[in-house]
């Protein structure tokens, strides 16, 4: 008899525990599922569609933007941020076709497995600075192209360390391209860095350094052709990555001095002007004098420079141009 009463009490306790568990599910779990469902609804750009209905766009233009945004919502993208920026574009009375172009740029990037983060950041920056919408489209188009090229460089020369952040490396390479680093030079330097076993952080630092050198060259008045010549000569003259950056720096200084001397010679008169022409200098088609790495005006690589200088990585306190 006592055993039956004990069994009955245990059953009652089990029932109470089951009811308590059910109550917990109803109170805490179901709201989470409801919130996820609400978030899923948000990915359909419903707020953007409501804003479009209130806009001045024609029926055709509203449908055009809405259909493009719906396609974007099916991709793995930060839909909340994208929708917010698109709504601001509508509020700012962007041309409907420019809004569609921006959406298509984002779609194309995701189709090529490229993160939208950099594109959305530039989109946001353009809106904050009230940049002309056509220029925003142009900048986003160029950025997307640079990201594709950077992605292809990484795929062509994969880094052995699989723990690295691929997105940060791609963005670093794309930044170098946007700063004017020639594609071939960037690809060659990147491949050498990988072969020399540089880690991902060091690889991104090299890309950033090349971008800084390129920006400095343009600030000094170098044309795109002259910048390409400088980078090409530096890459061909060295096998180690460190030496390439050093040669670019030296060549920029030497070429700047040469340009200054030429300008001074012209302003002081032909007869009294000093003869600054050297046989080791080369003249580009634009008429500018650029020293070659073997010129006496810059450091000449020794036999040890022809070997990969893996033991001498860039020091943190090495000379580099100021960041812009």
C-alpha atoms as a PDB file:
ATOM      1  CA  UNK A   1       0.000   0.000   0.000  1.00  0.00           C
ATOM      2  CA  UNK A   2       2.793   2.365   0.913  1.00  0.00           C
ATOM      3  CA  UNK A   3       4.549   1.631  -2.394  1.00  0.00           C
ATOM      4  CA  UNK A   4       1.424   2.542  -4.394  1.00  0.00           C
ATOM      5  CA  UNK A   5       1.142   5.880  -2.606  1.00  0.00           C
ATOM      6  CA  UNK A   6       4.825   6.553  -3.272  1.00  0.00           C
ATOM      7  CA  UNK A   7       4.446   5.706  -6.980  1.00  0.00           C
ATOM      8  CA  UNK A   8       1.409   7.995  -7.227  1.00  0.00           C
ATOM      9  CA  UNK A   9       3.347  10.869  -5.655  1.00  0.00           C
ATOM     10  CA  UNK A  10       6.203  10.362  -8.109  1.00  0.00           C
ATOM     11  CA  UNK A  11       3.762  10.483 -11.014  1.00  0.00           C
ATOM     12  CA  UNK A  12       2.288  13.710  -9.684  1.00  0.00           C
ATOM     13  CA  UNK A  13       5.781  15.203  -9.389  1.00  0.00           C
ATOM     14  CA  UNK A  14       6.573  14.148 -12.966  1.00  0.00           C
ATOM     15  CA  UNK A  15       3.352  15.729 -14.173  1.00  0.00           C
ATOM     16  CA  UNK A  16       4.181  18.962 -12.388  1.00  0.00           C
ATOM     17  CA  UNK A  17       7.648  18.967 -13.945  1.00  0.00           C
ATOM     18  CA  UNK A  18       6.155  18.421 -17.415  1.00  0.00           C
ATOM     19  CA  UNK A  19       3.675  21.254 -16.923  1.00  0.00           C
ATOM     20  CA  UNK A  20       6.454  23.522 -15.704  1.00  0.00           C
ATOM     21  CA  UNK A  21       8.536  22.702 -18.786  1.00  0.00           C
ATOM     22  CA  UNK A  22       5.572  23.418 -21.062  1.00  0.00           C
ATOM     23  CA  UNK A  23       5.008  26.749 -19.321  1.00  0.00           C
ATOM     24  CA  UNK A  24       8.674  27.621 -19.823  1.00  0.00           C
ATOM     25  CA  UNK A  25       8.412  26.862 -23.550  1.00  0.00           C
ATOM     26  CA  UNK A  26       5.286  28.989 -23.960  1.00  0.00           C
ATOM     27  CA  UNK A  27       6.710  31.948 -22.054  1.00  0.00           C
ATOM     28  CA  UNK A  28      10.313  32.031 -23.262  1.00  0.00           C
ATOM     29  CA  UNK A  29      10.770  29.997 -26.440  1.00  0.00           C
ATOM     30  CA  UNK A  30       7.765  31.007 -28.543  1.00  0.00           C
ATOM     31  CA  UNK A  31       8.527  34.767 -28.363  1.00  0.00           C
ATOM     32  CA  UNK A  32      11.992  34.040 -29.735  1.00  0.00           C
ATOM     33  CA  UNK A  33      10.496  32.215 -32.718  1.00  0.00           C
ATOM     34  CA  UNK A  34       8.062  35.085 -33.220  1.00  0.00           C
ATOM     35  CA  UNK A  35      10.938  37.566 -33.207  1.00  0.00           C
ATOM     36  CA  UNK A  36      12.854  35.497 -35.774  1.00  0.00           C
ATOM     37  CA  UNK A  37       9.739  35.386 -37.935  1.00  0.00           C
ATOM     38  CA  UNK A  38       9.477  39.169 -37.680  1.00  0.00           C
ATOM     39  CA  UNK A  39      13.120  39.508 -38.702  1.00  0.00           C
ATOM     40  CA  UNK A  40      12.496  37.231 -41.660  1.00  0.00           C
ATOM     41  CA  UNK A  41       9.646  39.513 -42.700  1.00  0.00           C
ATOM     42  CA  UNK A  42      11.962  42.523 -42.440  1.00  0.00           C
ATOM     43  CA  UNK A  43      14.315  41.016 -45.026  1.00  0.00           C
ATOM     44  CA  UNK A  44      11.641  41.577 -47.659  1.00  0.00           C
ATOM     45  CA  UNK A  45      12.355  45.352 -47.649  1.00  0.00           C
ATOM     46  CA  UNK A  46       8.790  46.089 -46.546  1.00  0.00           C
ATOM     47  CA  UNK A  47       9.779  49.517 -45.207  1.00  0.00           C
ATOM     48  CA  UNK A  48      11.373  50.404 -48.522  1.00  0.00           C
ATOM     49  CA  UNK A  49       8.245  49.362 -50.391  1.00  0.00           C
ATOM     50  CA  UNK A  50       6.114  51.564 -48.127  1.00  0.00           C
ATOM     51  CA  UNK A  51       8.462  54.478 -48.768  1.00  0.00           C
ATOM     52  CA  UNK A  52       8.267  53.872 -52.518  1.00  0.00           C
ATOM     53  CA  UNK A  53       4.473  53.973 -52.436  1.00  0.00           C
ATOM     54  CA  UNK A  54       4.657  57.441 -50.902  1.00  0.00           C
ATOM     55  CA  UNK A  55       7.316  58.664 -53.359  1.00  0.00           C
ATOM     56  CA  UNK A  56       7.035  60.688 -56.564  1.00  0.00           C
ATOM     57  CA  UNK A  57       8.310  57.829 -58.754  1.00  0.00           C
ATOM     58  CA  UNK A  58       6.158  56.457 -61.531  1.00  0.00           C
ATOM     59  CA  UNK A  59       4.423  53.110 -61.187  1.00  0.00           C
ATOM     60  CA  UNK A  60       6.977  51.506 -63.489  1.00  0.00           C
ATOM     61  CA  UNK A  61       9.908  52.909 -61.504  1.00  0.00           C
ATOM     62  CA  UNK A  62       8.423  51.796 -58.172  1.00  0.00           C
ATOM     63  CA  UNK A  63       7.998  48.258 -59.458  1.00  0.00           C
ATOM     64  CA  UNK A  64      11.505  48.297 -60.963  1.00  0.00           C
ATOM     65  CA  UNK A  65      13.150  49.226 -57.658  1.00  0.00           C
ATOM     66  CA  UNK A  66      10.923  46.906 -55.628  1.00  0.00           C
ATOM     67  CA  UNK A  67      11.710  43.874 -57.802  1.00  0.00           C
ATOM     68  CA  UNK A  68      15.454  44.560 -57.654  1.00  0.00           C
ATOM     69  CA  UNK A  69      15.290  44.969 -53.853  1.00  0.00           C
ATOM     70  CA  UNK A  70      13.314  41.724 -53.536  1.00  0.00           C
ATOM     71  CA  UNK A  71      16.057  39.869 -55.393  1.00  0.00           C
ATOM     72  CA  UNK A  72      18.655  41.447 -53.116  1.00  0.00           C
ATOM     73  CA  UNK A  73      16.727  40.303 -50.036  1.00  0.00           C
ATOM     74  CA  UNK A  74      17.153  36.657 -51.046  1.00  0.00           C
ATOM     75  CA  UNK A  75      20.952  36.951 -50.775  1.00  0.00           C
ATOM     76  CA  UNK A  76      23.163  36.705 -47.701  1.00  0.00           C
ATOM     77  CA  UNK A  77      23.439  40.423 -47.054  1.00  0.00           C
ATOM     78  CA  UNK A  78      22.927  42.955 -44.277  1.00  0.00           C
ATOM     79  CA  UNK A  79      19.397  43.747 -45.420  1.00  0.00           C
ATOM     80  CA  UNK A  80      18.629  46.118 -42.551  1.00  0.00           C
ATOM     81  CA  UNK A  81      21.591  48.385 -43.373  1.00  0.00           C
ATOM     82  CA  UNK A  82      20.988  48.145 -47.123  1.00  0.00           C
ATOM     83  CA  UNK A  83      17.295  49.020 -46.737  1.00  0.00           C
ATOM     84  CA  UNK A  84      18.102  51.981 -44.489  1.00  0.00           C
ATOM     85  CA  UNK A  85      20.518  53.445 -47.049  1.00  0.00           C
ATOM     86  CA  UNK A  86      18.099  52.847 -49.934  1.00  0.00           C
ATOM     87  CA  UNK A  87      15.300  54.607 -48.025  1.00  0.00           C
ATOM     88  CA  UNK A  88      17.591  57.624 -47.512  1.00  0.00           C
ATOM     89  CA  UNK A  89      18.226  57.599 -51.272  1.00  0.00           C
ATOM     90  CA  UNK A  90      14.476  57.715 -51.905  1.00  0.00           C
ATOM     91  CA  UNK A  91      14.082  60.543 -49.390  1.00  0.00           C
ATOM     92  CA  UNK A  92      16.867  62.423 -51.191  1.00  0.00           C
ATOM     93  CA  UNK A  93      14.988  62.039 -54.481  1.00  0.00           C
ATOM     94  CA  UNK A  94      17.663  59.953 -56.188  1.00  0.00           C
ATOM     95  CA  UNK A  95      16.925  59.080 -59.787  1.00  0.00           C
ATOM     96  CA  UNK A  96      15.090  55.725 -59.784  1.00  0.00           C
ATOM     97  CA  UNK A  97      17.513  54.242 -62.292  1.00  0.00           C
ATOM     98  CA  UNK A  98      20.500  55.166 -60.117  1.00  0.00           C
ATOM     99  CA  UNK A  99      18.873  53.406 -57.143  1.00  0.00           C
ATOM    100  CA  UNK A 100      18.388  50.329 -59.308  1.00  0.00           C
ATOM    101  CA  UNK A 101      22.053  50.495 -60.393  1.00  0.00           C
ATOM    102  CA  UNK A 102      23.183  50.585 -56.746  1.00  0.00           C
ATOM    103  CA  UNK A 103      21.050  47.535 -55.936  1.00  0.00           C
ATOM    104  CA  UNK A 104      22.423  45.690 -58.971  1.00  0.00           C
ATOM    105  CA  UNK A 105      26.012  46.464 -57.877  1.00  0.00           C
ATOM    106  CA  UNK A 106      25.274  44.842 -54.506  1.00  0.00           C
ATOM    107  CA  UNK A 107      23.616  41.840 -56.174  1.00  0.00           C
ATOM    108  CA  UNK A 108      26.551  41.344 -58.535  1.00  0.00           C
ATOM    109  CA  UNK A 109      29.018  41.498 -55.619  1.00  0.00           C
ATOM    110  CA  UNK A 110      27.141  38.821 -53.698  1.00  0.00           C
ATOM    111  CA  UNK A 111      26.875  36.666 -56.822  1.00  0.00           C
ATOM    112  CA  UNK A 112      30.690  36.769 -56.942  1.00  0.00           C
ATOM    113  CA  UNK A 113      30.995  35.819 -53.245  1.00  0.00           C
ATOM    114  CA  UNK A 114      32.201  39.298 -52.314  1.00  0.00           C
ATOM    115  CA  UNK A 115      31.256  40.882 -48.995  1.00  0.00           C
ATOM    116  CA  UNK A 116      28.943  43.873 -49.236  1.00  0.00           C
ATOM    117  CA  UNK A 117      30.514  45.561 -46.192  1.00  0.00           C
ATOM    118  CA  UNK A 118      32.939  47.804 -48.098  1.00  0.00           C
ATOM    119  CA  UNK A 119      30.287  48.777 -50.643  1.00  0.00           C
ATOM    120  CA  UNK A 120      27.722  49.664 -47.989  1.00  0.00           C
ATOM    121  CA  UNK A 121      30.330  51.709 -46.115  1.00  0.00           C
ATOM    122  CA  UNK A 122      31.113  53.765 -49.226  1.00  0.00           C
ATOM    123  CA  UNK A 123      27.391  54.108 -49.976  1.00  0.00           C
ATOM    124  CA  UNK A 124      26.813  55.370 -46.434  1.00  0.00           C
ATOM    125  CA  UNK A 125      29.777  57.741 -46.638  1.00  0.00           C
ATOM    126  CA  UNK A 126      28.517  59.209 -49.912  1.00  0.00           C
ATOM    127  CA  UNK A 127      25.057  59.832 -48.453  1.00  0.00           C
ATOM    128  CA  UNK A 128      26.485  61.409 -45.296  1.00  0.00           C
ATOM    129  CA  UNK A 129      28.668  63.778 -47.342  1.00  0.00           C
ATOM    130  CA  UNK A 130      25.761  64.537 -49.716  1.00  0.00           C
ATOM    131  CA  UNK A 131      27.821  63.432 -52.717  1.00  0.00           C
ATOM    132  CA  UNK A 132      26.115  63.630 -56.106  1.00  0.00           C
ATOM    133  CA  UNK A 133      24.220  60.393 -56.751  1.00  0.00           C
ATOM    134  CA  UNK A 134      25.956  59.819 -60.092  1.00  0.00           C
ATOM    135  CA  UNK A 135      29.337  60.001 -58.374  1.00  0.00           C
ATOM    136  CA  UNK A 136      28.125  57.539 -55.717  1.00  0.00           C
ATOM    137  CA  UNK A 137      27.194  55.080 -58.464  1.00  0.00           C
ATOM    138  CA  UNK A 138      30.573  55.625 -60.124  1.00  0.00           C
ATOM    139  CA  UNK A 139      32.490  55.072 -56.865  1.00  0.00           C
ATOM    140  CA  UNK A 140      30.506  51.923 -56.016  1.00  0.00           C
ATOM    141  CA  UNK A 141      31.036  50.554 -59.529  1.00  0.00           C
ATOM    142  CA  UNK A 142      34.800  51.111 -59.269  1.00  0.00           C
ATOM    143  CA  UNK A 143      34.936  49.668 -55.763  1.00  0.00           C
ATOM    144  CA  UNK A 144      33.075  46.550 -56.897  1.00  0.00           C
ATOM    145  CA  UNK A 145      35.542  46.105 -59.781  1.00  0.00           C
ATOM    146  CA  UNK A 146      38.507  46.458 -57.410  1.00  0.00           C
ATOM    147  CA  UNK A 147      36.997  43.920 -55.018  1.00  0.00           C
ATOM    148  CA  UNK A 148      36.593  41.436 -57.889  1.00  0.00           C
ATOM    149  CA  UNK A 149      40.210  41.910 -58.984  1.00  0.00           C
ATOM    150  CA  UNK A 150      41.408  41.580 -55.374  1.00  0.00           C
ATOM    151  CA  UNK A 151      39.360  38.406 -54.926  1.00  0.00           C
ATOM    152  CA  UNK A 152      40.868  36.926 -58.098  1.00  0.00           C
ATOM    153  CA  UNK A 153      44.401  37.760 -56.914  1.00  0.00           C
ATOM    154  CA  UNK A 154      43.728  35.961 -53.640  1.00  0.00           C
ATOM    155  CA  UNK A 155      42.278  32.944 -55.447  1.00  0.00           C
ATOM    156  CA  UNK A 156      45.263  32.840 -57.796  1.00  0.00           C
ATOM    157  CA  UNK A 157      47.788  32.972 -54.955  1.00  0.00           C
ATOM    158  CA  UNK A 158      46.048  31.464 -51.905  1.00  0.00           C
ATOM    159  CA  UNK A 159      47.570  32.072 -48.482  1.00  0.00           C
ATOM    160  CA  UNK A 160      48.600  28.847 -46.769  1.00  0.00           C
ATOM    161  CA  UNK A 161      47.373  29.996 -43.356  1.00  0.00           C
ATOM    162  CA  UNK A 162      43.674  29.086 -43.543  1.00  0.00           C
ATOM    163  CA  UNK A 163      42.826  30.862 -40.271  1.00  0.00           C
ATOM    164  CA  UNK A 164      43.065  34.342 -41.794  1.00  0.00           C
ATOM    165  CA  UNK A 165      40.157  36.713 -42.411  1.00  0.00           C
ATOM    166  CA  UNK A 166      39.657  36.569 -46.170  1.00  0.00           C
ATOM    167  CA  UNK A 167      37.438  39.644 -46.200  1.00  0.00           C
ATOM    168  CA  UNK A 168      40.112  41.874 -44.642  1.00  0.00           C
ATOM    169  CA  UNK A 169      42.758  40.698 -47.125  1.00  0.00           C
ATOM    170  CA  UNK A 170      40.458  41.299 -50.107  1.00  0.00           C
ATOM    171  CA  UNK A 171      39.519  44.760 -48.832  1.00  0.00           C
ATOM    172  CA  UNK A 172      43.192  45.611 -48.282  1.00  0.00           C
ATOM    173  CA  UNK A 173      44.094  44.615 -51.841  1.00  0.00           C
ATOM    174  CA  UNK A 174      41.094  46.532 -53.203  1.00  0.00           C
ATOM    175  CA  UNK A 175      42.155  49.614 -51.244  1.00  0.00           C
ATOM    176  CA  UNK A 176      45.610  49.391 -52.826  1.00  0.00           C
ATOM    177  CA  UNK A 177      44.019  49.279 -56.276  1.00  0.00           C
ATOM    178  CA  UNK A 178      41.752  52.244 -55.508  1.00  0.00           C
ATOM    179  CA  UNK A 179      44.839  54.197 -54.362  1.00  0.00           C
ATOM    180  CA  UNK A 180      46.421  53.705 -57.780  1.00  0.00           C
ATOM    181  CA  UNK A 181      48.667  50.659 -57.326  1.00  0.00           C
ATOM    182  CA  UNK A 182      48.969  48.971 -60.767  1.00  0.00           C
ATOM    183  CA  UNK A 183      47.160  45.657 -60.886  1.00  0.00           C
ATOM    184  CA  UNK A 184      50.134  43.685 -62.249  1.00  0.00           C
ATOM    185  CA  UNK A 185      52.524  45.109 -59.663  1.00  0.00           C
ATOM    186  CA  UNK A 186      50.126  44.409 -56.795  1.00  0.00           C
ATOM    187  CA  UNK A 187      49.552  40.852 -58.010  1.00  0.00           C
ATOM    188  CA  UNK A 188      53.293  40.190 -58.336  1.00  0.00           C
ATOM    189  CA  UNK A 189      54.139  41.608 -54.905  1.00  0.00           C
ATOM    190  CA  UNK A 190      51.285  39.637 -53.346  1.00  0.00           C
ATOM    191  CA  UNK A 191      52.436  36.384 -54.968  1.00  0.00           C
ATOM    192  CA  UNK A 192      55.995  36.942 -53.721  1.00  0.00           C
ATOM    193  CA  UNK A 193      54.721  37.645 -50.204  1.00  0.00           C
ATOM    194  CA  UNK A 194      52.812  34.368 -50.240  1.00  0.00           C
ATOM    195  CA  UNK A 195      55.811  32.435 -51.594  1.00  0.00           C
ATOM    196  CA  UNK A 196      58.037  33.934 -48.918  1.00  0.00           C
ATOM    197  CA  UNK A 197      55.636  32.700 -46.255  1.00  0.00           C
ATOM    198  CA  UNK A 198      54.428  36.050 -44.981  1.00  0.00           C
ATOM    199  CA  UNK A 199      51.437  35.832 -42.668  1.00  0.00           C
ATOM    200  CA  UNK A 200      48.096  37.502 -43.602  1.00  0.00           C
ATOM    201  CA  UNK A 201      48.716  40.543 -41.397  1.00  0.00           C
ATOM    202  CA  UNK A 202      52.069  41.198 -43.061  1.00  0.00           C
ATOM    203  CA  UNK A 203      50.524  40.724 -46.513  1.00  0.00           C
ATOM    204  CA  UNK A 204      47.859  43.353 -45.818  1.00  0.00           C
ATOM    205  CA  UNK A 205      50.537  45.699 -44.440  1.00  0.00           C
ATOM    206  CA  UNK A 206      52.497  45.419 -47.705  1.00  0.00           C
ATOM    207  CA  UNK A 207      49.353  46.190 -49.727  1.00  0.00           C
ATOM    208  CA  UNK A 208      48.662  49.212 -47.532  1.00  0.00           C
ATOM    209  CA  UNK A 209      52.263  50.404 -47.915  1.00  0.00           C
ATOM    210  CA  UNK A 210      52.086  50.141 -51.701  1.00  0.00           C
ATOM    211  CA  UNK A 211      48.864  52.144 -51.640  1.00  0.00           C
ATOM    212  CA  UNK A 212      50.511  54.853 -49.538  1.00  0.00           C
ATOM    213  CA  UNK A 213      53.457  55.057 -51.926  1.00  0.00           C
ATOM    214  CA  UNK A 214      51.109  55.312 -54.898  1.00  0.00           C
ATOM    215  CA  UNK A 215      49.102  58.105 -53.262  1.00  0.00           C
ATOM    216  CA  UNK A 216      52.315  59.963 -52.491  1.00  0.00           C
ATOM    217  CA  UNK A 217      53.386  59.683 -56.116  1.00  0.00           C
ATOM    218  CA  UNK A 218      50.131  61.251 -57.307  1.00  0.00           C
ATOM    219  CA  UNK A 219      50.418  63.988 -54.683  1.00  0.00           C
ATOM    220  CA  UNK A 220      53.901  64.776 -56.021  1.00  0.00           C
ATOM    221  CA  UNK A 221      52.401  65.296 -59.476  1.00  0.00           C
ATOM    222  CA  UNK A 222      53.215  61.970 -61.108  1.00  0.00           C
ATOM    223  CA  UNK A 223      50.945  60.850 -63.921  1.00  0.00           C
ATOM    224  CA  UNK A 224      49.352  57.401 -63.972  1.00  0.00           C
ATOM    225  CA  UNK A 225      51.852  56.324 -66.637  1.00  0.00           C
ATOM    226  CA  UNK A 226      54.788  57.485 -64.491  1.00  0.00           C
ATOM    227  CA  UNK A 227      53.448  55.658 -61.448  1.00  0.00           C
ATOM    228  CA  UNK A 228      53.132  52.475 -63.503  1.00  0.00           C
ATOM    229  CA  UNK A 229      56.728  52.880 -64.691  1.00  0.00           C
ATOM    230  CA  UNK A 230      58.040  53.360 -61.153  1.00  0.00           C
ATOM    231  CA  UNK A 231      56.248  50.298 -59.793  1.00  0.00           C
ATOM    232  CA  UNK A 232      57.172  48.146 -62.771  1.00  0.00           C
ATOM    233  CA  UNK A 233      60.880  49.007 -62.529  1.00  0.00           C
ATOM    234  CA  UNK A 234      60.909  48.387 -58.780  1.00  0.00           C
ATOM    235  CA  UNK A 235      59.229  45.000 -59.162  1.00  0.00           C
ATOM    236  CA  UNK A 236      61.614  43.914 -61.929  1.00  0.00           C
ATOM    237  CA  UNK A 237      64.724  45.047 -60.040  1.00  0.00           C
ATOM    238  CA  UNK A 238      64.113  43.093 -56.859  1.00  0.00           C
ATOM    239  CA  UNK A 239      63.041  39.603 -55.912  1.00  0.00           C
ATOM    240  CA  UNK A 240      62.352  40.411 -52.247  1.00  0.00           C
ATOM    241  CA  UNK A 241      59.263  42.346 -51.188  1.00  0.00           C
ATOM    242  CA  UNK A 242      61.110  44.675 -48.802  1.00  0.00           C
ATOM    243  CA  UNK A 243      63.417  45.893 -51.566  1.00  0.00           C
ATOM    244  CA  UNK A 244      60.508  46.702 -53.873  1.00  0.00           C
ATOM    245  CA  UNK A 245      59.008  49.196 -51.428  1.00  0.00           C
ATOM    246  CA  UNK A 246      62.440  50.714 -50.779  1.00  0.00           C
ATOM    247  CA  UNK A 247      63.138  51.129 -54.500  1.00  0.00           C
ATOM    248  CA  UNK A 248      59.763  52.772 -55.102  1.00  0.00           C
ATOM    249  CA  UNK A 249      60.466  55.258 -52.317  1.00  0.00           C
ATOM    250  CA  UNK A 250      63.969  56.023 -53.646  1.00  0.00           C
ATOM    251  CA  UNK A 251      62.773  56.381 -57.248  1.00  0.00           C
ATOM    252  CA  UNK A 252      60.027  58.799 -56.229  1.00  0.00           C
ATOM    253  CA  UNK A 253      62.550  60.981 -54.394  1.00  0.00           C
ATOM    254  CA  UNK A 254      65.056  60.885 -57.270  1.00  0.00           C
ATOM    255  CA  UNK A 255      62.437  61.625 -59.920  1.00  0.00           C
ATOM    256  CA  UNK A 256      61.046  64.504 -57.875  1.00  0.00           C
ATOM    257  CA  UNK A 257      64.514  66.042 -57.585  1.00  0.00           C
ATOM    258  CA  UNK A 258      65.019  65.637 -61.333  1.00  0.00           C
ATOM    259  CA  UNK A 259      61.704  67.340 -62.077  1.00  0.00           C
ATOM    260  CA  UNK A 260      62.593  70.203 -59.747  1.00  0.00           C
ATOM    261  CA  UNK A 261      65.981  70.669 -61.403  1.00  0.00           C
ATOM    262  CA  UNK A 262      64.402  70.651 -64.867  1.00  0.00           C
ATOM    263  CA  UNK A 263      61.885  73.298 -63.790  1.00  0.00           C
ATOM    264  CA  UNK A 264      64.651  75.407 -62.259  1.00  0.00           C
ATOM    265  CA  UNK A 265      66.745  75.100 -65.422  1.00  0.00           C
ATOM    266  CA  UNK A 266      63.914  76.273 -67.638  1.00  0.00           C
ATOM    267  CA  UNK A 267      63.124  79.262 -65.414  1.00  0.00           C
ATOM    268  CA  UNK A 268      66.799  80.411 -65.198  1.00  0.00           C
ATOM    269  CA  UNK A 269      67.372  80.525 -68.964  1.00  0.00           C
ATOM    270  CA  UNK A 270      68.792  78.134 -71.523  1.00  0.00           C
ATOM    271  CA  UNK A 271      72.469  79.152 -71.565  1.00  0.00           C
ATOM    272  CA  UNK A 272      72.985  79.312 -67.826  1.00  0.00           C
ATOM    273  CA  UNK A 273      70.824  76.256 -67.059  1.00  0.00           C
ATOM    274  CA  UNK A 274      72.733  73.266 -65.716  1.00  0.00           C
ATOM    275  CA  UNK A 275      72.724  70.073 -67.763  1.00  0.00           C
ATOM    276  CA  UNK A 276      70.810  67.553 -65.642  1.00  0.00           C
ATOM    277  CA  UNK A 277      70.470  64.856 -68.305  1.00  0.00           C
ATOM    278  CA  UNK A 278      72.055  61.538 -67.361  1.00  0.00           C
ATOM    279  CA  UNK A 279      72.573  58.529 -69.554  1.00  0.00           C
ATOM    280  CA  UNK A 280      71.126  56.194 -66.954  1.00  0.00           C
ATOM    281  CA  UNK A 281      67.793  57.994 -66.814  1.00  0.00           C
ATOM    282  CA  UNK A 282      64.878  56.958 -68.988  1.00  0.00           C
ATOM    283  CA  UNK A 283      62.293  59.223 -70.530  1.00  0.00           C
ATOM    284  CA  UNK A 284      58.656  58.160 -70.702  1.00  0.00           C
ATOM    285  CA  UNK A 285      56.368  58.993 -73.572  1.00  0.00           C
ATOM    286  CA  UNK A 286      55.018  61.868 -71.497  1.00  0.00           C
ATOM    287  CA  UNK A 287      58.476  63.469 -71.432  1.00  0.00           C
ATOM    288  CA  UNK A 288      59.220  62.883 -67.732  1.00  0.00           C
ATOM    289  CA  UNK A 289      62.581  61.612 -66.562  1.00  0.00           C
ATOM    290  CA  UNK A 290      62.408  58.596 -64.283  1.00  0.00           C
ATOM    291  CA  UNK A 291      65.586  57.047 -62.851  1.00  0.00           C
ATOM    292  CA  UNK A 292      66.022  53.326 -63.146  1.00  0.00           C
ATOM    293  CA  UNK A 293      66.896  51.312 -60.027  1.00  0.00           C
ATOM    294  CA  UNK A 294      70.473  50.980 -61.341  1.00  0.00           C
ATOM    295  CA  UNK A 295      70.917  54.776 -61.573  1.00  0.00           C
ATOM    296  CA  UNK A 296      73.468  56.372 -59.286  1.00  0.00           C
ATOM    297  CA  UNK A 297      70.754  58.672 -57.926  1.00  0.00           C
ATOM    298  CA  UNK A 298      69.221  55.840 -55.923  1.00  0.00           C
ATOM    299  CA  UNK A 299      70.455  52.793 -54.054  1.00  0.00           C
ATOM    300  CA  UNK A 300      71.698  50.034 -56.329  1.00  0.00           C
ATOM    301  CA  UNK A 301      70.646  46.442 -55.467  1.00  0.00           C
ATOM    302  CA  UNK A 302      73.546  44.225 -54.514  1.00  0.00           C
ATOM    303  CA  UNK A 303      73.818  40.527 -55.208  1.00  0.00           C
ATOM    304  CA  UNK A 304      72.098  39.815 -51.917  1.00  0.00           C
ATOM    305  CA  UNK A 305      69.072  41.832 -53.063  1.00  0.00           C
ATOM    306  CA  UNK A 306      68.386  39.310 -55.804  1.00  0.00           C
ATOM    307  CA  UNK A 307      67.563  36.729 -53.164  1.00  0.00           C
ATOM    308  CA  UNK A 308      64.229  36.681 -51.326  1.00  0.00           C
ATOM    309  CA  UNK A 309      64.808  38.751 -48.202  1.00  0.00           C
ATOM    310  CA  UNK A 310      62.568  36.685 -45.952  1.00  0.00           C
ATOM    311  CA  UNK A 311      64.769  37.257 -42.940  1.00  0.00           C
ATOM    312  CA  UNK A 312      64.366  41.007 -43.068  1.00  0.00           C
ATOM    313  CA  UNK A 313      60.710  41.852 -42.733  1.00  0.00           C
ATOM    314  CA  UNK A 314      59.658  45.541 -42.649  1.00  0.00           C
ATOM    315  CA  UNK A 315      60.342  47.113 -39.259  1.00  0.00           C
ATOM    316  CA  UNK A 316      57.576  49.019 -37.528  1.00  0.00           C
ATOM    317  CA  UNK A 317      59.788  52.117 -37.412  1.00  0.00           C
ATOM    318  CA  UNK A 318      60.887  51.979 -41.045  1.00  0.00           C
ATOM    319  CA  UNK A 319      60.480  55.090 -43.161  1.00  0.00           C
ATOM    320  CA  UNK A 320      57.131  55.296 -44.942  1.00  0.00           C
ATOM    321  CA  UNK A 321      55.021  58.130 -46.327  1.00  0.00           C
ATOM    322  CA  UNK A 322      52.363  59.662 -44.104  1.00  0.00           C
ATOM    323  CA  UNK A 323      48.938  58.131 -44.191  1.00  0.00           C
ATOM    324  CA  UNK A 324      46.284  60.053 -45.973  1.00  0.00           C
END
